[in-house]
Amino acid sequence: MPHDRDCYLPNPLAALCRAYGCDLAVPSVTGIGDILMYTPLVREVAMRLGRPVELLTGPIRPIDGVGTVQGEEAYPIWRANPFVGTIVDLETCPPDVSRQIHAAHEKHCHFGHVIENICAEYGIVPQAIRPDLYLTETECRAALALLADLPRPILCIHPHGTSSPGPAHPWHSDEWRALIAGLPAGMTVLEVGMSGREEKDLPTRRFRTTLREMMALVWASDLVVGFDSSVAHVATAFSKPTLVLWEPVQKAQIDLVEQPGLGAAAITRWGYSQNRNLVLLNDIHHDIRRLVAEWIATRLRAGRFP
């Protein structure tokens, strides 16, 4: 692990990692998107060390269980990652160890993207601002097989998420219905989300999946449109053409809990310049829906579906 003197900013977990013979400590009881923000750090530290990192983290326990299903595997974000060696299970450590790791997660110095903020504590400027995810060949083939009978192109949508609009907002469901109704004939709209928890009765195709199966379906799709959420991070990791919708009021309310004042910088901190990002403000003439439809049409013409 980098020495404290090599870091731009103080690393509060360096001593803890040394005590458990690990290179890095990563939280596990937080949002899935938060955990994904650590994947570039793992990649960069492994390349610096020239070997897979020893990781101190716990089985994934997302806040309120969002994004996981009963029987979810313990480390879905880290499976198949060539930069991860041994994982030391936080749940075998004293409870205070986990509390220290999760407390440190909320106290990064915020000056840029969250990925940059995390890496700065290790003296690292990440080579790419995107999450790092790996699927196995078996997972990829299974996703392609599941979608094999659906007409292409396949638009994957995620009209859900912790910071998505509430029931009174047009983009809760009405604008999604209108968007889907106006899509070119022959397209498939694949919806990903938590079965039994994220239900809007939209005219889409859905499958009950684990977290990694969802990741594979995103990988196997052609385009992705959704709210700021873990799915948007997954799509970015796989370099999928992605459009992200941002509901700034809800996002700001969430940030008031741990990071007051940072809600206004949500896109800078959590978004990606390689994606199309649209903010849901003053959309009284359905302009957002029109822009989404135009983006889909443009991407299809520029891609493999002329």
C-alpha atoms as a PDB file:
ATOM      1  CA  MET A   1       0.000   0.000   0.000  1.00  0.00           C
ATOM      2  CA  PRO A   2       1.297   3.559  -0.647  1.00  0.00           C
ATOM      3  CA  HIS A   3       3.038   5.184   2.306  1.00  0.00           C
ATOM      4  CA  ASP A   4       1.278   8.087   3.982  1.00  0.00           C
ATOM      5  CA  ARG A   5       4.064  10.418   2.812  1.00  0.00           C
ATOM      6  CA  ASP A   6       3.233   9.575  -0.817  1.00  0.00           C
ATOM      7  CA  CYS A   7      -0.379  10.700  -0.515  1.00  0.00           C
ATOM      8  CA  TYR A   8      -1.810  14.049  -1.489  1.00  0.00           C
ATOM      9  CA  LEU A   9      -4.275  13.858   1.405  1.00  0.00           C
ATOM     10  CA  PRO A  10      -4.200  12.023   4.763  1.00  0.00           C
ATOM     11  CA  ASN A  11      -5.313   8.413   4.497  1.00  0.00           C
ATOM     12  CA  PRO A  12      -7.291   7.614   7.657  1.00  0.00           C
ATOM     13  CA  LEU A  13      -7.295   3.842   7.037  1.00  0.00           C
ATOM     14  CA  ALA A  14      -3.590   3.197   6.419  1.00  0.00           C
ATOM     15  CA  ALA A  15      -2.896   1.915   9.936  1.00  0.00           C
ATOM     16  CA  LEU A  16      -6.037  -0.230   9.905  1.00  0.00           C
ATOM     17  CA  CYS A  17      -5.021  -1.890   6.637  1.00  0.00           C
ATOM     18  CA  ARG A  18      -1.551  -2.624   7.962  1.00  0.00           C
ATOM     19  CA  ALA A  19      -3.043  -4.228  11.072  1.00  0.00           C
ATOM     20  CA  TYR A  20      -4.985  -6.717   8.941  1.00  0.00           C
ATOM     21  CA  GLY A  21      -2.306  -7.278   6.302  1.00  0.00           C
ATOM     22  CA  CYS A  22      -4.349  -5.591   3.572  1.00  0.00           C
ATOM     23  CA  ASP A  23      -3.599  -2.990   0.945  1.00  0.00           C
ATOM     24  CA  LEU A  24      -7.001  -1.290   0.849  1.00  0.00           C
ATOM     25  CA  ALA A  25     -10.158  -1.018   2.937  1.00  0.00           C
ATOM     26  CA  VAL A  26     -13.497  -0.583   1.151  1.00  0.00           C
ATOM     27  CA  PRO A  27     -16.953  -0.039   2.692  1.00  0.00           C
ATOM     28  CA  SER A  28     -19.703  -2.566   2.094  1.00  0.00           C
ATOM     29  CA  VAL A  29     -22.703  -1.150   3.986  1.00  0.00           C
ATOM     30  CA  THR A  30     -23.576   1.738   1.692  1.00  0.00           C
ATOM     31  CA  GLY A  31     -25.032   2.303  -1.771  1.00  0.00           C
ATOM     32  CA  ILE A  32     -23.933   0.032  -4.609  1.00  0.00           C
ATOM     33  CA  GLY A  33     -22.819   3.087  -6.556  1.00  0.00           C
ATOM     34  CA  ASP A  34     -20.605   4.139  -3.644  1.00  0.00           C
ATOM     35  CA  ILE A  35     -18.835   0.779  -3.644  1.00  0.00           C
ATOM     36  CA  LEU A  36     -18.318   0.996  -7.407  1.00  0.00           C
ATOM     37  CA  MET A  37     -16.432   4.262  -6.862  1.00  0.00           C
ATOM     38  CA  TYR A  38     -13.632   2.260  -5.219  1.00  0.00           C
ATOM     39  CA  THR A  39     -13.076  -0.079  -8.162  1.00  0.00           C
ATOM     40  CA  PRO A  40     -10.747   2.324 -10.035  1.00  0.00           C
ATOM     41  CA  LEU A  41      -8.669   2.711  -6.856  1.00  0.00           C
ATOM     42  CA  VAL A  42      -8.269  -1.063  -6.663  1.00  0.00           C
ATOM     43  CA  ARG A  43      -7.155  -1.156 -10.304  1.00  0.00           C
ATOM     44  CA  GLU A  44      -4.666   1.694  -9.914  1.00  0.00           C
ATOM     45  CA  VAL A  45      -3.131   0.397  -6.661  1.00  0.00           C
ATOM     46  CA  ALA A  46      -2.804  -3.112  -8.108  1.00  0.00           C
ATOM     47  CA  MET A  47      -0.982  -1.726 -11.139  1.00  0.00           C
ATOM     48  CA  ARG A  48       1.268   0.329  -8.873  1.00  0.00           C
ATOM     49  CA  LEU A  49       2.110  -2.723  -6.752  1.00  0.00           C
ATOM     50  CA  GLY A  50       2.340  -5.078  -9.719  1.00  0.00           C
ATOM     51  CA  ARG A  51       0.054  -7.650  -8.092  1.00  0.00           C
ATOM     52  CA  PRO A  52      -3.587  -8.118  -7.026  1.00  0.00           C
ATOM     53  CA  VAL A  53      -4.482  -6.173  -3.893  1.00  0.00           C
ATOM     54  CA  GLU A  54      -5.423  -7.667  -0.550  1.00  0.00           C
ATOM     55  CA  LEU A  55      -8.812  -6.154   0.230  1.00  0.00           C
ATOM     56  CA  LEU A  56     -10.449  -5.496   3.605  1.00  0.00           C
ATOM     57  CA  THR A  57     -14.196  -5.343   3.004  1.00  0.00           C
ATOM     58  CA  GLY A  58     -17.402  -7.115   3.910  1.00  0.00           C
ATOM     59  CA  PRO A  59     -20.245  -8.886   2.126  1.00  0.00           C
ATOM     60  CA  ILE A  60     -22.337  -6.350   0.267  1.00  0.00           C
ATOM     61  CA  ARG A  61     -25.061  -4.843   2.458  1.00  0.00           C
ATOM     62  CA  PRO A  62     -26.570  -1.961   0.475  1.00  0.00           C
ATOM     63  CA  ILE A  63     -28.552   0.656   2.365  1.00  0.00           C
ATOM     64  CA  ASP A  64     -32.161  -0.568   2.732  1.00  0.00           C
ATOM     65  CA  GLY A  65     -31.263  -3.630   0.642  1.00  0.00           C
ATOM     66  CA  VAL A  66     -31.626  -1.615  -2.576  1.00  0.00           C
ATOM     67  CA  GLY A  67     -30.188  -3.438  -5.579  1.00  0.00           C
ATOM     68  CA  THR A  68     -29.860  -6.917  -4.132  1.00  0.00           C
ATOM     69  CA  VAL A  69     -32.082  -9.979  -3.893  1.00  0.00           C
ATOM     70  CA  GLN A  70     -32.401 -12.659  -1.256  1.00  0.00           C
ATOM     71  CA  GLY A  71     -29.465 -15.037  -1.490  1.00  0.00           C
ATOM     72  CA  GLU A  72     -27.219 -12.503  -3.265  1.00  0.00           C
ATOM     73  CA  GLU A  73     -23.578 -13.569  -3.316  1.00  0.00           C
ATOM     74  CA  ALA A  74     -21.270 -11.853  -0.851  1.00  0.00           C
ATOM     75  CA  TYR A  75     -18.948  -9.936  -3.202  1.00  0.00           C
ATOM     76  CA  PRO A  76     -20.732  -9.390  -6.547  1.00  0.00           C
ATOM     77  CA  ILE A  77     -18.807  -6.230  -7.384  1.00  0.00           C
ATOM     78  CA  TRP A  78     -15.419  -7.886  -6.852  1.00  0.00           C
ATOM     79  CA  ARG A  79     -15.973 -11.279  -8.495  1.00  0.00           C
ATOM     80  CA  ALA A  80     -13.819 -11.941 -11.579  1.00  0.00           C
ATOM     81  CA  ASN A  81     -11.787  -8.781 -10.927  1.00  0.00           C
ATOM     82  CA  PRO A  82      -8.160  -9.648 -11.791  1.00  0.00           C
ATOM     83  CA  PHE A  83      -6.906  -6.857  -9.543  1.00  0.00           C
ATOM     84  CA  VAL A  84      -8.393  -8.398  -6.373  1.00  0.00           C
ATOM     85  CA  GLY A  85      -6.496 -11.098  -4.516  1.00  0.00           C
ATOM     86  CA  THR A  86      -7.559 -12.174  -1.042  1.00  0.00           C
ATOM     87  CA  ILE A  87     -10.582 -10.551   0.599  1.00  0.00           C
ATOM     88  CA  VAL A  88     -10.491 -10.250   4.382  1.00  0.00           C
ATOM     89  CA  ASP A  89     -14.113 -10.373   5.544  1.00  0.00           C
ATOM     90  CA  LEU A  90     -15.031  -7.373   7.676  1.00  0.00           C
ATOM     91  CA  GLU A  91     -17.678  -9.438   9.431  1.00  0.00           C
ATOM     92  CA  THR A  92     -14.907 -11.496  11.047  1.00  0.00           C
ATOM     93  CA  CYS A  93     -13.388  -8.327  12.525  1.00  0.00           C
ATOM     94  CA  PRO A  94     -14.497  -6.373  15.603  1.00  0.00           C
ATOM     95  CA  PRO A  95     -17.510  -4.120  14.820  1.00  0.00           C
ATOM     96  CA  ASP A  96     -15.431  -0.984  15.324  1.00  0.00           C
ATOM     97  CA  VAL A  97     -13.332  -1.843  12.256  1.00  0.00           C
ATOM     98  CA  SER A  98     -16.359  -1.665   9.982  1.00  0.00           C
ATOM     99  CA  ARG A  99     -17.506   1.563  11.635  1.00  0.00           C
ATOM    100  CA  GLN A 100     -14.111   3.178  10.989  1.00  0.00           C
ATOM    101  CA  ILE A 101     -14.187   2.235   7.303  1.00  0.00           C
ATOM    102  CA  HIS A 102     -17.694   3.489   6.743  1.00  0.00           C
ATOM    103  CA  ALA A 103     -17.068   6.688   8.684  1.00  0.00           C
ATOM    104  CA  ALA A 104     -14.029   7.426   6.513  1.00  0.00           C
ATOM    105  CA  HIS A 105     -16.135   6.926   3.387  1.00  0.00           C
ATOM    106  CA  GLU A 106     -18.293   9.941   4.251  1.00  0.00           C
ATOM    107  CA  LYS A 107     -15.324  12.204   4.957  1.00  0.00           C
ATOM    108  CA  HIS A 108     -13.333  12.281   1.717  1.00  0.00           C
ATOM    109  CA  CYS A 109     -12.116  15.697   0.642  1.00  0.00           C
ATOM    110  CA  HIS A 110     -14.500  16.663  -2.166  1.00  0.00           C
ATOM    111  CA  PHE A 111     -12.857  18.593  -4.987  1.00  0.00           C
ATOM    112  CA  GLY A 112     -13.847  16.634  -8.109  1.00  0.00           C
ATOM    113  CA  HIS A 113     -15.451  13.380  -9.149  1.00  0.00           C
ATOM    114  CA  VAL A 114     -15.918  10.926  -6.278  1.00  0.00           C
ATOM    115  CA  ILE A 115     -13.478   8.533  -7.977  1.00  0.00           C
ATOM    116  CA  GLU A 116     -10.838  11.285  -7.997  1.00  0.00           C
ATOM    117  CA  ASN A 117     -11.606  12.189  -4.383  1.00  0.00           C
ATOM    118  CA  ILE A 118     -11.061   8.604  -3.228  1.00  0.00           C
ATOM    119  CA  CYS A 119      -7.897   8.064  -5.267  1.00  0.00           C
ATOM    120  CA  ALA A 120      -6.325  11.313  -4.037  1.00  0.00           C
ATOM    121  CA  GLU A 121      -5.887   9.861  -0.551  1.00  0.00           C
ATOM    122  CA  TYR A 122      -3.491   7.326  -2.107  1.00  0.00           C
ATOM    123  CA  GLY A 123      -1.549   9.798  -4.235  1.00  0.00           C
ATOM    124  CA  ILE A 124      -3.235   8.523  -7.390  1.00  0.00           C
ATOM    125  CA  VAL A 125      -4.710  10.341 -10.358  1.00  0.00           C
ATOM    126  CA  PRO A 126      -6.979   7.710 -11.976  1.00  0.00           C
ATOM    127  CA  GLN A 127      -6.277   7.041 -15.634  1.00  0.00           C
ATOM    128  CA  ALA A 128      -9.999   6.714 -16.366  1.00  0.00           C
ATOM    129  CA  ILE A 129     -13.031   8.205 -14.616  1.00  0.00           C
ATOM    130  CA  ARG A 130     -15.298   5.186 -14.748  1.00  0.00           C
ATOM    131  CA  PRO A 131     -16.005   2.146 -12.566  1.00  0.00           C
ATOM    132  CA  ASP A 132     -14.175  -1.118 -13.149  1.00  0.00           C
ATOM    133  CA  LEU A 133     -16.333  -4.248 -13.518  1.00  0.00           C
ATOM    134  CA  TYR A 134     -15.613  -7.711 -14.887  1.00  0.00           C
ATOM    135  CA  LEU A 135     -17.974 -10.434 -16.060  1.00  0.00           C
ATOM    136  CA  THR A 136     -17.078 -14.041 -16.732  1.00  0.00           C
ATOM    137  CA  GLU A 137     -17.512 -15.571 -20.170  1.00  0.00           C
ATOM    138  CA  THR A 138     -20.298 -17.733 -18.738  1.00  0.00           C
ATOM    139  CA  GLU A 139     -22.171 -14.672 -17.462  1.00  0.00           C
ATOM    140  CA  CYS A 140     -21.855 -12.876 -20.790  1.00  0.00           C
ATOM    141  CA  ARG A 141     -23.065 -15.870 -22.774  1.00  0.00           C
ATOM    142  CA  ALA A 142     -25.999 -16.389 -20.383  1.00  0.00           C
ATOM    143  CA  ALA A 143     -27.116 -12.770 -20.814  1.00  0.00           C
ATOM    144  CA  LEU A 144     -26.894 -12.976 -24.595  1.00  0.00           C
ATOM    145  CA  ALA A 145     -28.875 -16.223 -24.540  1.00  0.00           C
ATOM    146  CA  LEU A 146     -31.583 -14.685 -22.337  1.00  0.00           C
ATOM    147  CA  LEU A 147     -32.019 -11.825 -24.802  1.00  0.00           C
ATOM    148  CA  ALA A 148     -31.554 -13.903 -27.959  1.00  0.00           C
ATOM    149  CA  ASP A 149     -35.238 -13.991 -28.926  1.00  0.00           C
ATOM    150  CA  LEU A 150     -35.817 -10.258 -28.385  1.00  0.00           C
ATOM    151  CA  PRO A 151     -35.647  -7.939 -31.406  1.00  0.00           C
ATOM    152  CA  ARG A 152     -32.602  -5.702 -31.615  1.00  0.00           C
ATOM    153  CA  PRO A 153     -31.769  -2.968 -30.876  1.00  0.00           C
ATOM    154  CA  ILE A 154     -32.350  -3.406 -27.158  1.00  0.00           C
ATOM    155  CA  LEU A 155     -32.792  -0.274 -25.070  1.00  0.00           C
ATOM    156  CA  CYS A 156     -32.154  -0.980 -21.392  1.00  0.00           C
ATOM    157  CA  ILE A 157     -33.971   1.418 -19.066  1.00  0.00           C
ATOM    158  CA  HIS A 158     -33.774   1.892 -15.315  1.00  0.00           C
ATOM    159  CA  PRO A 159     -36.690   4.179 -14.344  1.00  0.00           C
ATOM    160  CA  HIS A 160     -35.941   3.723 -10.648  1.00  0.00           C
ATOM    161  CA  GLY A 161     -33.291   4.572  -8.083  1.00  0.00           C
ATOM    162  CA  THR A 162     -32.863   6.191  -4.687  1.00  0.00           C
ATOM    163  CA  SER A 163     -32.673   9.694  -6.176  1.00  0.00           C
ATOM    164  CA  SER A 164     -35.359   9.168  -8.833  1.00  0.00           C
ATOM    165  CA  PRO A 165     -38.490  11.392  -8.892  1.00  0.00           C
ATOM    166  CA  GLY A 166     -41.448  10.704  -6.635  1.00  0.00           C
ATOM    167  CA  PRO A 167     -44.953   9.607  -7.746  1.00  0.00           C
ATOM    168  CA  ALA A 168     -46.144  13.175  -8.436  1.00  0.00           C
ATOM    169  CA  HIS A 169     -43.329  13.873 -10.910  1.00  0.00           C
ATOM    170  CA  PRO A 170     -44.027  13.393 -14.670  1.00  0.00           C
ATOM    171  CA  TRP A 171     -40.864  11.299 -14.989  1.00  0.00           C
ATOM    172  CA  HIS A 172     -41.992   8.882 -12.310  1.00  0.00           C
ATOM    173  CA  SER A 173     -43.912   6.924 -14.963  1.00  0.00           C
ATOM    174  CA  ASP A 174     -45.942   9.097 -17.398  1.00  0.00           C
ATOM    175  CA  GLU A 175     -42.980  10.413 -19.379  1.00  0.00           C
ATOM    176  CA  TRP A 176     -41.485   6.926 -19.540  1.00  0.00           C
ATOM    177  CA  ARG A 177     -44.715   5.603 -21.044  1.00  0.00           C
ATOM    178  CA  ALA A 178     -44.780   8.390 -23.617  1.00  0.00           C
ATOM    179  CA  LEU A 179     -41.102   7.858 -24.460  1.00  0.00           C
ATOM    180  CA  ILE A 180     -41.594   4.129 -24.987  1.00  0.00           C
ATOM    181  CA  ALA A 181     -44.706   4.702 -27.101  1.00  0.00           C
ATOM    182  CA  GLY A 182     -42.746   6.967 -29.450  1.00  0.00           C
ATOM    183  CA  LEU A 183     -39.776   4.670 -30.029  1.00  0.00           C
ATOM    184  CA  PRO A 184     -39.157   3.187 -33.487  1.00  0.00           C
ATOM    185  CA  ALA A 185     -41.050   0.000 -34.236  1.00  0.00           C
ATOM    186  CA  GLY A 186     -39.111  -3.192 -33.691  1.00  0.00           C
ATOM    187  CA  MET A 187     -37.059  -2.045 -30.716  1.00  0.00           C
ATOM    188  CA  THR A 188     -37.052  -3.966 -27.451  1.00  0.00           C
ATOM    189  CA  VAL A 189     -37.265  -2.025 -24.203  1.00  0.00           C
ATOM    190  CA  LEU A 190     -35.649  -4.009 -21.404  1.00  0.00           C
ATOM    191  CA  GLU A 191     -36.300  -2.758 -17.878  1.00  0.00           C
ATOM    192  CA  VAL A 192     -33.976  -3.568 -14.998  1.00  0.00           C
ATOM    193  CA  GLY A 193     -34.922  -2.997 -11.391  1.00  0.00           C
ATOM    194  CA  MET A 194     -35.738  -4.697  -8.127  1.00  0.00           C
ATOM    195  CA  SER A 195     -38.598  -7.175  -8.581  1.00  0.00           C
ATOM    196  CA  GLY A 196     -41.330  -6.503  -6.041  1.00  0.00           C
ATOM    197  CA  ARG A 197     -39.847  -3.147  -5.027  1.00  0.00           C
ATOM    198  CA  GLU A 198     -39.317  -1.181  -8.209  1.00  0.00           C
ATOM    199  CA  GLU A 199     -42.526  -1.700 -10.155  1.00  0.00           C
ATOM    200  CA  LYS A 200     -44.160   0.889 -12.438  1.00  0.00           C
ATOM    201  CA  ASP A 201     -46.092  -1.426 -14.768  1.00  0.00           C
ATOM    202  CA  LEU A 202     -44.377  -0.060 -17.869  1.00  0.00           C
ATOM    203  CA  PRO A 203     -44.681  -1.839 -21.251  1.00  0.00           C
ATOM    204  CA  THR A 204     -41.231  -3.412 -21.049  1.00  0.00           C
ATOM    205  CA  ARG A 205     -39.520  -6.781 -20.834  1.00  0.00           C
ATOM    206  CA  ARG A 206     -38.283  -7.681 -17.347  1.00  0.00           C
ATOM    207  CA  PHE A 207     -36.391 -10.551 -15.770  1.00  0.00           C
ATOM    208  CA  ARG A 208     -35.813 -11.292 -12.113  1.00  0.00           C
ATOM    209  CA  THR A 209     -32.047 -11.145 -11.632  1.00  0.00           C
ATOM    210  CA  THR A 210     -29.253 -11.066  -9.130  1.00  0.00           C
ATOM    211  CA  LEU A 211     -26.992  -8.040  -9.125  1.00  0.00           C
ATOM    212  CA  ARG A 212     -24.444  -9.687 -11.409  1.00  0.00           C
ATOM    213  CA  GLU A 213     -27.143 -10.970 -13.757  1.00  0.00           C
ATOM    214  CA  MET A 214     -28.415  -7.395 -14.019  1.00  0.00           C
ATOM    215  CA  MET A 215     -24.891  -6.236 -14.838  1.00  0.00           C
ATOM    216  CA  ALA A 216     -24.663  -8.827 -17.594  1.00  0.00           C
ATOM    217  CA  LEU A 217     -28.008  -7.726 -19.089  1.00  0.00           C
ATOM    218  CA  VAL A 218     -26.773  -4.134 -19.181  1.00  0.00           C
ATOM    219  CA  TRP A 219     -23.595  -5.348 -20.897  1.00  0.00           C
ATOM    220  CA  ALA A 220     -25.662  -7.285 -23.457  1.00  0.00           C
ATOM    221  CA  SER A 221     -27.936  -4.326 -24.288  1.00  0.00           C
ATOM    222  CA  ASP A 222     -27.307  -1.735 -26.983  1.00  0.00           C
ATOM    223  CA  LEU A 223     -28.267   1.518 -25.243  1.00  0.00           C
ATOM    224  CA  VAL A 224     -28.997   2.533 -21.653  1.00  0.00           C
ATOM    225  CA  VAL A 225     -31.297   5.284 -20.357  1.00  0.00           C
ATOM    226  CA  GLY A 226     -32.049   5.743 -16.684  1.00  0.00           C
ATOM    227  CA  PHE A 227     -31.859   7.868 -13.598  1.00  0.00           C
ATOM    228  CA  ASP A 228     -28.667   8.496 -11.669  1.00  0.00           C
ATOM    229  CA  SER A 229     -28.224   5.116 -10.006  1.00  0.00           C
ATOM    230  CA  SER A 230     -25.986   2.075  -9.727  1.00  0.00           C
ATOM    231  CA  VAL A 231     -27.244   0.919 -13.146  1.00  0.00           C
ATOM    232  CA  ALA A 232     -25.864   4.087 -14.746  1.00  0.00           C
ATOM    233  CA  HIS A 233     -22.484   3.360 -13.146  1.00  0.00           C
ATOM    234  CA  VAL A 234     -22.596  -0.225 -14.435  1.00  0.00           C
ATOM    235  CA  ALA A 235     -23.390   0.950 -17.965  1.00  0.00           C
ATOM    236  CA  THR A 236     -20.506   3.414 -17.808  1.00  0.00           C
ATOM    237  CA  ALA A 237     -18.148   0.669 -16.653  1.00  0.00           C
ATOM    238  CA  PHE A 238     -19.009  -1.294 -19.802  1.00  0.00           C
ATOM    239  CA  SER A 239     -18.743   1.814 -22.037  1.00  0.00           C
ATOM    240  CA  LYS A 240     -22.362   1.492 -23.133  1.00  0.00           C
ATOM    241  CA  PRO A 241     -23.955   4.491 -24.860  1.00  0.00           C
ATOM    242  CA  THR A 242     -25.707   5.908 -21.805  1.00  0.00           C
ATOM    243  CA  LEU A 243     -28.077   8.776 -21.067  1.00  0.00           C
ATOM    244  CA  VAL A 244     -28.583   9.700 -17.417  1.00  0.00           C
ATOM    245  CA  LEU A 245     -31.524  11.690 -16.050  1.00  0.00           C
ATOM    246  CA  TRP A 246     -30.865  13.755 -12.935  1.00  0.00           C
ATOM    247  CA  GLU A 247     -33.549  14.906 -10.502  1.00  0.00           C
ATOM    248  CA  PRO A 248     -31.647  17.653  -8.641  1.00  0.00           C
ATOM    249  CA  VAL A 249     -34.140  18.306  -5.839  1.00  0.00           C
ATOM    250  CA  GLN A 250     -34.215  14.687  -4.695  1.00  0.00           C
ATOM    251  CA  LYS A 251     -30.444  14.384  -5.073  1.00  0.00           C
ATOM    252  CA  ALA A 252     -29.880  17.478  -2.936  1.00  0.00           C
ATOM    253  CA  GLN A 253     -32.185  16.137  -0.226  1.00  0.00           C
ATOM    254  CA  ILE A 254     -30.189  12.908  -0.032  1.00  0.00           C
ATOM    255  CA  ASP A 255     -26.900  14.793   0.267  1.00  0.00           C
ATOM    256  CA  LEU A 256     -28.242  16.878   3.155  1.00  0.00           C
ATOM    257  CA  VAL A 257     -27.845  13.868   5.449  1.00  0.00           C
ATOM    258  CA  GLU A 258     -24.074  13.379   5.227  1.00  0.00           C
ATOM    259  CA  GLN A 259     -22.774  15.990   2.798  1.00  0.00           C
ATOM    260  CA  PRO A 260     -24.807  19.213   3.088  1.00  0.00           C
ATOM    261  CA  GLY A 261     -24.172  21.728   0.347  1.00  0.00           C
ATOM    262  CA  LEU A 262     -22.799  19.249  -2.184  1.00  0.00           C
ATOM    263  CA  GLY A 263     -26.112  18.442  -3.872  1.00  0.00           C
ATOM    264  CA  ALA A 264     -25.649  21.253  -6.385  1.00  0.00           C
ATOM    265  CA  ALA A 265     -22.469  19.548  -7.627  1.00  0.00           C
ATOM    266  CA  ALA A 266     -24.105  16.131  -8.093  1.00  0.00           C
ATOM    267  CA  ILE A 267     -23.304  15.750 -11.792  1.00  0.00           C
ATOM    268  CA  THR A 268     -19.702  16.857 -11.293  1.00  0.00           C
ATOM    269  CA  ARG A 269     -19.243  14.430  -8.416  1.00  0.00           C
ATOM    270  CA  TRP A 270     -21.216  11.417  -9.696  1.00  0.00           C
ATOM    271  CA  GLY A 271     -21.666  11.884 -13.441  1.00  0.00           C
ATOM    272  CA  TYR A 272     -19.452  11.056 -16.414  1.00  0.00           C
ATOM    273  CA  SER A 273     -18.626  13.353 -19.306  1.00  0.00           C
ATOM    274  CA  GLN A 274     -18.744  10.430 -21.755  1.00  0.00           C
ATOM    275  CA  ASN A 275     -22.470  10.025 -21.028  1.00  0.00           C
ATOM    276  CA  ARG A 276     -25.325  12.325 -22.005  1.00  0.00           C
ATOM    277  CA  ASN A 277     -26.592  13.992 -18.817  1.00  0.00           C
ATOM    278  CA  LEU A 278     -29.980  15.738 -18.640  1.00  0.00           C
ATOM    279  CA  VAL A 279     -31.338  17.604 -15.615  1.00  0.00           C
ATOM    280  CA  LEU A 280     -35.076  17.405 -14.921  1.00  0.00           C
ATOM    281  CA  LEU A 281     -35.840  21.100 -14.408  1.00  0.00           C
ATOM    282  CA  ASN A 282     -38.711  23.184 -15.844  1.00  0.00           C
ATOM    283  CA  ASP A 283     -39.668  20.437 -18.272  1.00  0.00           C
ATOM    284  CA  ILE A 284     -43.080  21.928 -19.057  1.00  0.00           C
ATOM    285  CA  HIS A 285     -43.064  21.230 -22.803  1.00  0.00           C
ATOM    286  CA  HIS A 286     -41.753  17.638 -22.677  1.00  0.00           C
ATOM    287  CA  ASP A 287     -38.364  18.857 -23.886  1.00  0.00           C
ATOM    288  CA  ILE A 288     -36.494  16.214 -21.899  1.00  0.00           C
ATOM    289  CA  ARG A 289     -38.471  13.424 -23.526  1.00  0.00           C
ATOM    290  CA  ARG A 290     -37.771  14.929 -26.958  1.00  0.00           C
ATOM    291  CA  LEU A 291     -34.046  15.150 -26.201  1.00  0.00           C
ATOM    292  CA  VAL A 292     -33.969  11.545 -24.992  1.00  0.00           C
ATOM    293  CA  ALA A 293     -35.761  10.361 -28.142  1.00  0.00           C
ATOM    294  CA  GLU A 294     -33.375  12.350 -30.348  1.00  0.00           C
ATOM    295  CA  TRP A 295     -30.372  10.909 -28.516  1.00  0.00           C
ATOM    296  CA  ILE A 296     -31.671   7.363 -29.017  1.00  0.00           C
ATOM    297  CA  ALA A 297     -32.283   7.975 -32.722  1.00  0.00           C
ATOM    298  CA  THR A 298     -28.840   9.528 -33.192  1.00  0.00           C
ATOM    299  CA  ARG A 299     -27.063   6.704 -31.390  1.00  0.00           C
ATOM    300  CA  LEU A 300     -28.884   4.090 -33.445  1.00  0.00           C
ATOM    301  CA  ARG A 301     -27.983   5.804 -36.725  1.00  0.00           C
ATOM    302  CA  ALA A 302     -24.351   6.118 -35.666  1.00  0.00           C
ATOM    303  CA  GLY A 303     -24.069   2.559 -34.414  1.00  0.00           C
ATOM    304  CA  ARG A 304     -24.783  -0.908 -35.703  1.00  0.00           C
ATOM    305  CA  PHE A 305     -28.444  -0.208 -36.550  1.00  0.00           C
ATOM    306  CA  PRO A 306     -28.518   2.244 -39.494  1.00  0.00           C
END
